[in-house]
């Protein structure tokens, strides 16, 4: 009986399995929706102007709308005349702006507002088409469609309350649809009595403002905050019984990147003795946020603990040494905070900024660019490059970063920093130029050098950036952080100076 039941069981399973496949196949075939409509293919000529505009937003109006005419001749005229129109427009704009600035500087207690540079760039406006028609009221109406993606160099220097700030307008875009009306039309030259100009719809104007050369630490009413960081009795995070700690510091209610200490390798009682400065805008509500991490070469850095210091609890103009217990969370009722995670010792100085300090710093002038040395070519200059640091670099097999700088075929390299995702180089380089490199770019590539034992995995590319030098030539100095291309989160800080004799 056992053998018979086994055979019958296998037979039933085989029959049921086969029947299920057959029934499923027929259900799949005969239960498909039969109300699917065929796709209609229509020529563009059958679409109205609104539908075409939605389908092809970047196509010129003279293609989408038969009422608009193609005016390539006008665009060609603007292209050839733009160098002269650019200067004429800028000169007129300065003449118009001068009395307006003079009137408002006294009103708002501003010392001065001056144009350091004013040019509309090398790209002229482009007309996408023009509609022309005559009305029954003897009016000739022209409706051009204008688009302008400009590369201006407009730099304004503002001096007020002892602060000097340089503001630059970048990435200007203007989309407008003006209407030009000639009325009434008459049989004597110039065949119309007056010109009326209006806008058919609200123009789209988009631009960016870039702050150059302003020292926010020198603004009266703000405060300076300095601390020295140490730690002790940290927990073991690595497999070998050690940790690679570093500290991130940030002021609350401020949208600025955190400041970091260096990484201390295989150390549970690290001493940094590193100084940091912060700007405090509201000492009654702000706090210093502190996070300690264990550095990892691959993967996410593990948080070891956190804490904070309320600024209102610090006495002004006094140095206070405090030791904080590292916590799991900032919730005072969290039972996880009872577990020991180590301590962090801070030496804090909270110092209100005084006007005499501001005057002293103003004389030091960190933004002053030195002159090029003797022997620099006349009409040229010295391109001075400082590669400060990088952050959040990540190699696939190793992270031993160094930066390679290439300018006009000349190649220079920083030192290699082993096993560090946040390297700090502060390496300086010089490139002698026969003429200002206005149209050139500086290529910066960050690579990871393979270790001597790394016979299988060679050097890796961690990211790169191409920096246009036009801003450096016009502003003499820039110091910015750039996001690295082909890198997930990598950034690099580079300072550029253009020195002339």
Protein backbone atom coordinates (compact mmCIF):
# COMPACT_ATOMS: atom_id res chain seq x y z
CA UNK A 1 0.00 0.00 0.00
CA UNK A 2 2.84 2.35 0.71
CA UNK A 3 4.32 1.89 -2.73
CA UNK A 4 0.93 2.31 -4.47
CA UNK A 5 0.11 5.53 -2.56
CA UNK A 6 3.53 6.93 -3.41
CA UNK A 7 3.06 6.22 -7.11
CA UNK A 8 -0.44 7.74 -7.09
CA UNK A 9 0.88 10.80 -5.25
CA UNK A 10 3.57 11.42 -7.87
CA UNK A 11 1.06 10.87 -10.67
CA UNK A 12 -1.37 13.36 -9.14
CA UNK A 13 1.36 15.95 -8.74
CA UNK A 14 2.52 15.55 -12.35
CA UNK A 15 -1.03 15.77 -13.71
CA UNK A 16 -1.89 18.84 -11.59
CA UNK A 17 1.33 20.63 -12.48
CA UNK A 18 0.85 20.03 -16.23
CA UNK A 19 -2.80 21.08 -16.09
CA UNK A 20 -1.89 24.27 -14.22
CA UNK A 21 0.63 25.28 -16.92
CA UNK A 22 -1.88 24.65 -19.74
CA UNK A 23 -4.71 26.56 -18.02
CA UNK A 24 -2.39 29.45 -17.15
CA UNK A 25 -1.18 29.72 -20.74
CA UNK A 26 -4.72 29.91 -22.15
CA UNK A 27 -5.76 32.47 -19.51
CA UNK A 28 -2.71 34.63 -20.41
CA UNK A 29 -3.51 34.48 -24.14
CA UNK A 30 -7.25 35.01 -24.06
CA UNK A 31 -7.56 37.52 -21.24
CA UNK A 32 -5.39 40.25 -22.86
CA UNK A 33 -7.17 43.64 -23.23
CA UNK A 34 -8.63 44.04 -26.70
CA UNK A 35 -9.50 47.74 -26.51
CA UNK A 36 -5.95 49.01 -27.11
CA UNK A 37 -6.01 51.75 -29.75
CA UNK A 38 -3.44 52.08 -32.48
CA UNK A 39 -0.92 54.90 -32.10
CA UNK A 40 -1.74 57.78 -34.39
CA UNK A 41 1.15 59.36 -36.24
CA UNK A 42 0.41 62.96 -37.21
CA UNK A 43 2.56 65.44 -39.13
CA UNK A 44 3.68 68.52 -37.17
CA UNK A 45 1.70 70.75 -39.56
CA UNK A 46 -1.56 69.46 -38.03
CA UNK A 47 -0.66 70.64 -34.50
CA UNK A 48 -1.65 74.09 -33.27
CA UNK A 49 0.95 76.49 -31.86
CA UNK A 50 0.22 75.66 -28.19
CA UNK A 51 0.58 71.91 -28.75
CA UNK A 52 3.83 72.41 -30.66
CA UNK A 53 5.19 74.62 -27.90
CA UNK A 54 4.54 71.86 -25.37
CA UNK A 55 6.09 69.15 -27.55
CA UNK A 56 9.08 71.16 -28.80
CA UNK A 57 9.80 73.92 -26.24
CA UNK A 58 13.26 74.81 -27.61
CA UNK A 59 12.29 75.04 -31.28
CA UNK A 60 12.30 78.67 -32.58
CA UNK A 61 8.92 80.34 -32.99
CA UNK A 62 9.30 80.67 -36.76
CA UNK A 63 9.26 76.85 -36.95
CA UNK A 64 6.29 76.30 -34.64
CA UNK A 65 4.19 79.31 -35.62
CA UNK A 66 3.65 80.30 -39.27
CA UNK A 67 2.87 83.91 -38.22
CA UNK A 68 6.48 84.42 -37.14
CA UNK A 69 9.23 85.11 -39.66
CA UNK A 70 12.83 83.96 -39.53
CA UNK A 71 15.25 86.87 -38.97
CA UNK A 72 18.73 85.38 -39.15
CA UNK A 73 19.97 88.57 -40.76
CA UNK A 74 19.18 90.51 -37.57
CA UNK A 75 20.97 87.93 -35.38
CA UNK A 76 23.99 88.12 -37.68
CA UNK A 77 23.91 91.93 -37.45
CA UNK A 78 23.83 91.77 -33.65
CA UNK A 79 26.70 89.28 -33.61
CA UNK A 80 28.94 91.59 -35.66
CA UNK A 81 27.90 94.78 -33.86
CA UNK A 82 27.85 93.33 -30.32
CA UNK A 83 31.39 94.43 -29.29
CA UNK A 84 30.39 98.05 -30.01
CA UNK A 85 26.81 97.75 -28.72
CA UNK A 86 28.14 96.15 -25.53
CA UNK A 87 30.35 99.17 -24.73
CA UNK A 88 27.64 101.67 -25.69
CA UNK A 89 24.98 99.95 -23.55
CA UNK A 90 27.32 99.67 -20.54
CA UNK A 91 28.31 103.34 -20.83
CA UNK A 92 24.66 104.41 -20.98
CA UNK A 93 23.79 102.15 -18.03
CA UNK A 94 26.54 103.70 -15.91
CA UNK A 95 25.36 107.22 -16.76
CA UNK A 96 21.78 106.33 -15.80
CA UNK A 97 22.82 104.50 -12.61
CA UNK A 98 25.21 107.16 -11.30
CA UNK A 99 22.59 109.73 -10.12
CA UNK A 100 20.39 106.96 -8.74
CA UNK A 101 23.29 105.55 -6.69
CA UNK A 102 24.27 109.02 -5.45
CA UNK A 103 20.71 109.66 -4.28
CA UNK A 104 20.35 106.39 -2.40
CA UNK A 105 23.79 106.03 -0.79
CA UNK A 106 23.13 108.94 1.56
CA UNK A 107 19.60 107.72 2.23
CA UNK A 108 20.72 104.26 3.38
CA UNK A 109 24.03 105.41 4.95
CA UNK A 110 26.18 103.59 2.41
CA UNK A 111 29.69 104.96 1.90
CA UNK A 112 29.95 104.15 -1.80
CA UNK A 113 28.73 101.88 -4.59
CA UNK A 114 31.00 101.60 -7.61
CA UNK A 115 31.19 99.44 -10.73
CA UNK A 116 34.52 97.67 -10.69
CA UNK A 117 33.82 95.97 -14.02
CA UNK A 118 30.82 96.26 -16.33
CA UNK A 119 30.54 94.25 -19.51
CA UNK A 120 27.66 92.23 -20.92
CA UNK A 121 29.93 89.46 -22.15
CA UNK A 122 30.59 88.04 -25.59
CA UNK A 123 27.16 86.47 -26.26
CA UNK A 124 24.58 88.79 -27.89
CA UNK A 125 20.79 88.37 -27.58
CA UNK A 126 19.12 86.07 -30.09
CA UNK A 127 15.78 86.69 -31.80
CA UNK A 128 13.82 83.46 -32.21
CA UNK A 129 11.44 85.04 -34.73
CA UNK A 130 9.34 88.13 -35.36
CA UNK A 131 5.68 88.68 -36.14
CA UNK A 132 4.87 91.81 -38.20
CA UNK A 133 1.40 93.08 -39.17
CA UNK A 134 -0.57 96.27 -39.86
CA UNK A 135 -3.84 97.08 -38.06
CA UNK A 136 -6.85 98.94 -39.34
CA UNK A 137 -5.79 101.93 -37.25
CA UNK A 138 -2.76 102.51 -39.47
CA UNK A 139 -0.33 100.95 -37.02
CA UNK A 140 2.65 98.77 -37.82
CA UNK A 141 3.23 96.27 -35.01
CA UNK A 142 6.36 94.13 -34.55
CA UNK A 143 6.44 91.35 -31.96
CA UNK A 144 9.92 89.79 -31.69
CA UNK A 145 10.73 86.83 -29.43
CA UNK A 146 14.01 87.43 -27.61
CA UNK A 147 16.20 84.97 -25.72
CA UNK A 148 19.49 85.88 -24.12
CA UNK A 149 21.76 83.51 -22.18
CA UNK A 150 24.55 85.94 -21.33
CA UNK A 151 28.00 85.63 -19.79
CA UNK A 152 28.32 89.09 -18.23
CA UNK A 153 31.08 90.36 -15.98
CA UNK A 154 29.32 92.88 -13.77
CA UNK A 155 31.17 93.49 -10.50
CA UNK A 156 29.96 96.04 -7.95
CA UNK A 157 31.99 97.15 -4.93
CA UNK A 158 29.90 98.25 -1.93
CA UNK A 159 31.42 100.00 1.10
CA UNK A 160 29.29 100.46 4.20
CA UNK A 161 29.84 100.40 7.97
CA UNK A 162 33.52 99.65 7.52
CA UNK A 163 32.81 96.60 5.34
CA UNK A 164 33.89 96.26 1.74
CA UNK A 165 31.98 93.68 -0.29
CA UNK A 166 32.39 92.80 -3.95
CA UNK A 167 29.27 91.42 -5.64
CA UNK A 168 29.32 89.78 -9.06
CA UNK A 169 26.37 89.02 -11.34
CA UNK A 170 26.67 85.63 -13.06
CA UNK A 171 24.57 83.34 -15.27
CA UNK A 172 22.18 85.97 -16.64
CA UNK A 173 19.18 84.67 -18.62
CA UNK A 174 16.48 86.88 -20.18
CA UNK A 175 13.41 85.68 -22.11
CA UNK A 176 11.13 88.49 -23.30
CA UNK A 177 8.36 89.15 -25.84
CA UNK A 178 8.27 92.91 -26.52
CA UNK A 179 5.79 94.67 -28.78
CA UNK A 180 7.01 97.61 -30.90
CA UNK A 181 4.28 99.80 -32.36
CA UNK A 182 4.86 102.46 -35.04
CA UNK A 183 1.88 104.84 -35.13
CA UNK A 184 0.37 106.54 -36.92
CA UNK A 185 1.74 105.70 -40.34
CA UNK A 186 2.16 108.79 -42.50
CA UNK A 187 3.40 109.43 -46.09
CA UNK A 188 6.37 111.57 -45.00
CA UNK A 189 9.77 110.30 -43.82
CA UNK A 190 10.32 108.44 -41.47
CA UNK A 191 6.72 107.35 -42.24
CA UNK A 192 5.56 107.16 -38.60
CA UNK A 193 4.99 109.73 -35.87
CA UNK A 194 6.09 107.86 -32.74
CA UNK A 195 7.31 104.51 -31.38
CA UNK A 196 5.64 102.70 -28.50
CA UNK A 197 7.38 99.78 -26.77
CA UNK A 198 5.56 97.45 -24.37
CA UNK A 199 5.76 93.86 -23.09
CA UNK A 200 3.13 91.32 -24.09
CA UNK A 201 3.84 89.22 -20.99
CA UNK A 202 6.02 89.32 -17.89
CA UNK A 203 9.64 88.72 -18.94
CA UNK A 204 11.67 85.89 -17.42
CA UNK A 205 14.88 87.22 -15.86
CA UNK A 206 17.17 84.89 -13.95
CA UNK A 207 20.66 85.56 -12.60
CA UNK A 208 22.99 84.63 -9.78
CA UNK A 209 24.84 86.82 -7.29
CA UNK A 210 28.32 85.86 -6.20
CA UNK A 211 29.95 87.43 -3.15
CA UNK A 212 33.66 88.03 -3.65
CA UNK A 213 36.24 89.40 -1.25
CA UNK A 214 33.92 90.10 1.71
CA UNK A 215 35.08 89.17 5.19
CA UNK A 216 32.04 88.29 7.26
CA UNK A 217 34.21 88.04 10.36
CA UNK A 218 34.76 91.78 10.15
CA UNK A 219 31.09 92.78 10.44
CA UNK A 220 30.36 94.69 13.68
CA UNK A 221 27.83 93.01 15.94
CA UNK A 222 28.99 89.46 15.18
CA UNK A 223 31.17 87.46 17.52
CA UNK A 224 34.20 85.21 17.39
CA UNK A 225 34.25 81.76 18.88
CA UNK A 226 37.49 79.76 19.28
CA UNK A 227 38.07 76.25 20.66
CA UNK A 228 40.81 73.66 21.01
CA UNK A 229 39.72 70.00 20.91
CA UNK A 230 40.96 66.91 22.75
CA UNK A 231 39.33 63.52 23.54
CA UNK A 232 39.89 60.59 25.87
CA UNK A 233 38.60 57.09 26.67
CA UNK A 234 36.91 56.60 23.32
CA UNK A 235 35.27 53.26 22.46
CA UNK A 236 36.85 50.65 20.23
CA UNK A 237 35.25 50.54 16.78
CA UNK A 238 37.75 48.73 14.57
CA UNK A 239 38.30 44.96 14.43
CA UNK A 240 41.83 45.30 15.81
CA UNK A 241 40.63 47.02 18.96
CA UNK A 242 41.34 50.64 18.01
CA UNK A 243 39.52 53.58 16.38
CA UNK A 244 40.41 56.34 13.92
CA UNK A 245 38.56 59.31 15.47
CA UNK A 246 37.94 62.82 14.17
CA UNK A 247 35.61 65.60 15.32
CA UNK A 248 33.07 67.61 13.31
CA UNK A 249 32.04 71.03 14.67
CA UNK A 250 29.13 73.14 13.50
CA UNK A 251 27.26 76.20 14.73
CA UNK A 252 23.51 75.63 15.01
CA UNK A 253 21.09 77.59 12.79
CA UNK A 254 23.85 78.24 10.23
CA UNK A 255 23.76 76.71 6.75
CA UNK A 256 27.52 76.27 6.47
CA UNK A 257 29.62 73.08 6.17
CA UNK A 258 30.93 71.51 9.36
CA UNK A 259 34.57 72.02 10.29
CA UNK A 260 36.69 68.93 10.90
CA UNK A 261 39.76 68.00 12.83
CA UNK A 262 42.37 65.70 11.36
CA UNK A 263 41.97 61.92 11.71
CA UNK A 264 44.03 60.29 14.49
CA UNK A 265 44.91 56.74 13.51
CA UNK A 266 44.48 53.84 15.95
CA UNK A 267 44.03 56.08 18.95
CA UNK A 268 41.47 55.95 21.76
CA UNK A 269 42.94 59.00 23.56
CA UNK A 270 43.73 61.42 20.72
CA UNK A 271 45.07 64.93 21.18
CA UNK A 272 44.38 67.39 18.35
CA UNK A 273 45.13 70.85 19.77
CA UNK A 274 43.52 72.37 16.67
CA UNK A 275 41.94 75.81 16.61
CA UNK A 276 38.66 76.73 14.89
CA UNK A 277 36.75 79.96 14.48
CA UNK A 278 33.01 80.44 14.05
CA UNK A 279 30.69 83.37 13.46
CA UNK A 280 27.93 83.77 16.03
CA UNK A 281 24.83 85.71 15.01
CA UNK A 282 22.63 85.07 18.07
CA UNK A 283 24.52 84.08 21.26
CA UNK A 284 21.27 83.67 23.20
CA UNK A 285 19.94 80.80 21.08
CA UNK A 286 22.86 79.29 19.20
CA UNK A 287 24.90 76.28 20.28
CA UNK A 288 28.07 74.54 19.17
CA UNK A 289 27.16 71.10 17.80
CA UNK A 290 29.84 68.43 18.28
CA UNK A 291 30.01 64.98 16.66
CA UNK A 292 32.82 62.44 16.94
CA UNK A 293 33.25 59.88 14.13
CA UNK A 294 35.37 56.82 13.47
CA UNK A 295 36.99 57.20 10.06
CA UNK A 296 36.56 54.31 7.62
CA UNK A 297 38.45 53.91 4.37
CA UNK A 298 35.50 52.17 2.72
CA UNK A 299 31.86 52.76 3.60
CA UNK A 300 30.12 55.17 5.93
CA UNK A 301 31.97 56.70 8.87
CA UNK A 302 30.56 55.45 12.17
CA UNK A 303 29.40 57.97 14.74
CA UNK A 304 31.06 57.52 18.14
CA UNK A 305 29.12 60.14 20.08
CA UNK A 306 27.81 63.69 20.22
CA UNK A 307 27.19 66.65 22.51
CA UNK A 308 26.74 70.42 22.40
CA UNK A 309 27.58 73.67 24.17
CA UNK A 310 25.09 76.53 24.62
CA UNK A 311 26.78 79.86 23.94
CA UNK A 312 24.68 81.70 26.50
CA UNK A 313 26.36 79.62 29.22
CA UNK A 314 29.83 80.91 28.28
CA UNK A 315 31.28 84.04 29.91
CA UNK A 316 32.47 86.71 27.48
CA UNK A 317 36.22 87.30 27.05
CA UNK A 318 37.14 84.35 29.26
CA UNK A 319 38.61 80.95 28.41
CA UNK A 320 36.65 78.00 29.75
CA UNK A 321 37.91 74.40 29.78
CA UNK A 322 35.09 71.86 29.84
CA UNK A 323 34.91 68.08 29.48
CA UNK A 324 31.78 66.66 27.88
CA UNK A 325 30.52 63.09 28.00
CA UNK A 326 29.82 61.72 24.53
CA UNK A 327 26.15 60.78 24.12
CA UNK A 328 24.22 58.50 21.79
CA UNK A 329 21.51 61.12 21.21
CA UNK A 330 20.72 64.63 22.46
CA UNK A 331 17.56 63.38 24.17
CA UNK A 332 18.17 63.76 27.95
CA UNK A 333 15.72 60.92 28.69
CA UNK A 334 17.35 58.40 26.37
CA UNK A 335 18.60 55.43 28.45
CA UNK A 336 21.30 54.74 25.81
CA UNK A 337 23.14 57.85 27.01
CA UNK A 338 23.94 56.10 30.30
CA UNK A 339 26.51 53.93 28.53
CA UNK A 340 30.03 55.36 28.53
CA UNK A 341 31.29 56.45 25.09
CA UNK A 342 34.25 58.54 26.18
CA UNK A 343 34.80 62.23 26.88
CA UNK A 344 35.68 65.25 24.80
CA UNK A 345 37.66 68.13 26.31
CA UNK A 346 37.18 71.60 24.84
CA UNK A 347 38.92 74.87 25.56
CA UNK A 348 36.42 77.58 24.68
CA UNK A 349 36.86 81.31 24.27
CA UNK A 350 33.80 83.42 23.53
CA UNK A 351 34.89 86.87 22.47
CA UNK A 352 32.60 89.73 21.35
CA UNK A 353 34.04 91.43 18.29
CA UNK A 354 35.04 95.08 18.83
CA UNK A 355 35.47 97.88 16.31
CA UNK A 356 39.18 98.22 17.06
CA UNK A 357 39.61 94.51 16.24
CA UNK A 358 37.83 95.12 12.96
CA UNK A 359 40.16 98.01 12.10
CA UNK A 360 43.17 95.88 12.95
CA UNK A 361 42.02 93.05 10.70
CA UNK A 362 41.16 95.51 7.98
CA UNK A 363 44.82 96.57 7.81
CA UNK A 364 46.00 92.98 7.55
CA UNK A 365 43.88 92.38 4.42
CA UNK A 366 43.88 88.66 3.67
CA UNK A 367 42.48 89.35 0.19
CA UNK A 368 45.43 91.49 -0.95
CA UNK A 369 47.20 89.80 -3.86
CA UNK A 370 50.99 90.05 -3.93
CA UNK A 371 52.79 91.38 -6.96
CA UNK A 372 54.51 89.04 -9.40
CA UNK A 373 58.28 88.70 -8.92
CA UNK A 374 60.81 90.48 -11.09
CA UNK A 375 61.32 88.83 -14.44
CA UNK A 376 57.61 88.19 -15.06
CA UNK A 377 56.83 88.82 -18.75
CA UNK A 378 55.52 92.34 -19.49
CA UNK A 379 51.82 92.15 -20.32
CA UNK A 380 51.60 88.73 -18.69
CA UNK A 381 51.63 87.59 -15.11
CA UNK A 382 51.92 84.75 -12.63
CA UNK A 383 49.09 82.26 -12.03
CA UNK A 384 49.45 81.23 -8.39
CA UNK A 385 47.60 78.03 -7.38
CA UNK A 386 47.09 76.78 -3.81
CA UNK A 387 45.52 73.33 -3.45
CA UNK A 388 44.18 73.46 0.11
CA UNK A 389 42.24 70.29 0.84
CA UNK A 390 39.65 67.78 -0.33
CA UNK A 391 36.73 66.10 1.40
CA UNK A 392 34.74 62.86 1.11
CA UNK A 393 37.05 61.20 -1.40
CA UNK A 394 36.40 57.52 -1.96
CA UNK A 395 38.51 55.04 -3.91
CA UNK A 396 37.34 51.64 -5.02
CA UNK A 397 40.33 49.70 -3.66
CA UNK A 398 42.47 52.33 -1.90
CA UNK A 399 42.40 56.02 -0.94
CA UNK A 400 45.89 57.55 -1.03
CA UNK A 401 44.98 60.88 -2.62
CA UNK A 402 47.08 63.43 -4.44
CA UNK A 403 46.11 66.21 -6.87
CA UNK A 404 47.50 66.72 -10.34
CA UNK A 405 47.31 70.23 -11.86
CA UNK A 406 47.61 70.67 -15.63
CA UNK A 407 47.84 74.09 -17.28
CA UNK A 408 48.79 74.51 -20.96
CA UNK A 409 50.52 71.12 -20.99
CA UNK A 410 52.55 71.84 -17.83
CA UNK A 411 51.85 69.30 -15.10
CA UNK A 412 52.42 69.58 -11.34
CA UNK A 413 51.46 67.33 -8.41
CA UNK A 414 50.78 67.66 -4.70
CA UNK A 415 52.20 65.30 -2.12
CA UNK A 416 50.51 61.94 -1.52
CA UNK A 417 48.55 61.54 1.73
CA UNK A 418 48.05 57.88 2.56
CA UNK A 419 44.76 56.39 3.72
CA UNK A 420 42.86 59.62 4.07
CA UNK A 421 39.46 60.52 2.58
CA UNK A 422 39.78 64.14 3.77
CA UNK A 423 43.35 65.10 2.81
CA UNK A 424 44.85 68.51 3.53
CA UNK A 425 47.74 69.46 1.25
CA UNK A 426 48.15 73.28 1.23
CA UNK A 427 50.60 72.89 -1.66
CA UNK A 428 51.47 75.94 -3.77
CA UNK A 429 52.30 76.09 -7.48
CA UNK A 430 53.24 78.83 -9.95
CA UNK A 431 52.66 79.10 -13.70
CA UNK A 432 54.30 81.92 -15.65
CA UNK A 433 52.05 83.34 -18.40
CA UNK A 434 53.09 85.44 -21.37
CA UNK A 435 49.58 86.96 -21.48
CA UNK A 436 46.45 86.80 -19.27
CA UNK A 437 44.85 83.32 -19.70
CA UNK A 438 41.32 84.71 -20.07
CA UNK A 439 40.11 81.91 -22.34
CA UNK A 440 42.06 79.06 -20.71
CA UNK A 441 41.09 76.48 -18.12
CA UNK A 442 42.95 74.84 -15.26
CA UNK A 443 42.51 71.06 -15.13
CA UNK A 444 42.69 69.55 -11.64
CA UNK A 445 42.53 65.79 -11.21
CA UNK A 446 42.49 63.93 -7.90
CA UNK A 447 44.00 60.45 -7.97
CA UNK A 448 44.77 57.69 -5.49
CA UNK A 449 48.25 56.18 -5.60
CA UNK A 450 48.50 52.43 -5.21
CA UNK A 451 50.55 51.15 -2.30
CA UNK A 452 53.83 49.35 -2.95
CA UNK A 453 52.10 46.08 -2.24
CA UNK A 454 49.24 46.95 -4.61
CA UNK A 455 50.42 44.94 -7.60
CA UNK A 456 46.86 44.07 -8.64
CA UNK A 457 45.14 47.44 -8.25
CA UNK A 458 46.93 50.42 -9.79
CA UNK A 459 46.24 54.11 -9.31
CA UNK A 460 42.60 55.23 -9.33
CA UNK A 461 40.90 58.43 -10.47
CA UNK A 462 38.84 59.99 -7.65
CA UNK A 463 37.43 62.92 -9.66
CA UNK A 464 38.38 66.01 -11.62
CA UNK A 465 37.35 69.62 -12.27
CA UNK A 466 38.04 72.17 -15.02
CA UNK A 467 38.23 75.76 -13.72
CA UNK A 468 37.74 78.69 -16.10
CA UNK A 469 40.36 81.35 -15.42
CA UNK A 470 38.36 84.34 -16.66
CA UNK A 471 37.05 85.07 -13.13
CA UNK A 472 40.55 84.88 -11.67
CA UNK A 473 41.93 87.41 -14.18
CA UNK A 474 39.09 89.89 -13.57
CA UNK A 475 38.88 89.47 -9.77
CA UNK A 476 42.60 88.81 -9.08
CA UNK A 477 41.75 86.13 -6.50
CA UNK A 478 39.18 83.39 -5.88
CA UNK A 479 39.06 80.76 -3.15
CA UNK A 480 36.30 78.20 -3.61
CA UNK A 481 35.27 74.61 -3.04
CA UNK A 482 34.39 72.65 -6.17
CA UNK A 483 32.39 69.44 -6.50
CA UNK A 484 34.53 66.86 -8.28
CA UNK A 485 33.16 65.39 -11.49
CA UNK A 486 32.89 61.56 -11.52
CA UNK A 487 32.88 61.54 -7.72
CA UNK A 488 29.88 60.76 -5.53
CA UNK A 489 30.48 63.37 -2.82
CA UNK A 490 34.07 64.54 -3.34
CA UNK A 491 34.97 68.23 -3.08
CA UNK A 492 38.23 70.11 -3.40
CA UNK A 493 39.21 73.59 -2.20
CA UNK A 494 41.47 75.56 -4.53
CA UNK A 495 42.69 79.13 -4.25
CA UNK A 496 43.77 80.95 -7.43
CA UNK A 497 45.59 84.28 -7.67
CA UNK A 498 46.55 86.34 -10.71
CA UNK A 499 49.69 88.32 -9.90
CA UNK A 500 51.06 91.07 -12.12
CA UNK A 501 54.17 93.16 -11.71
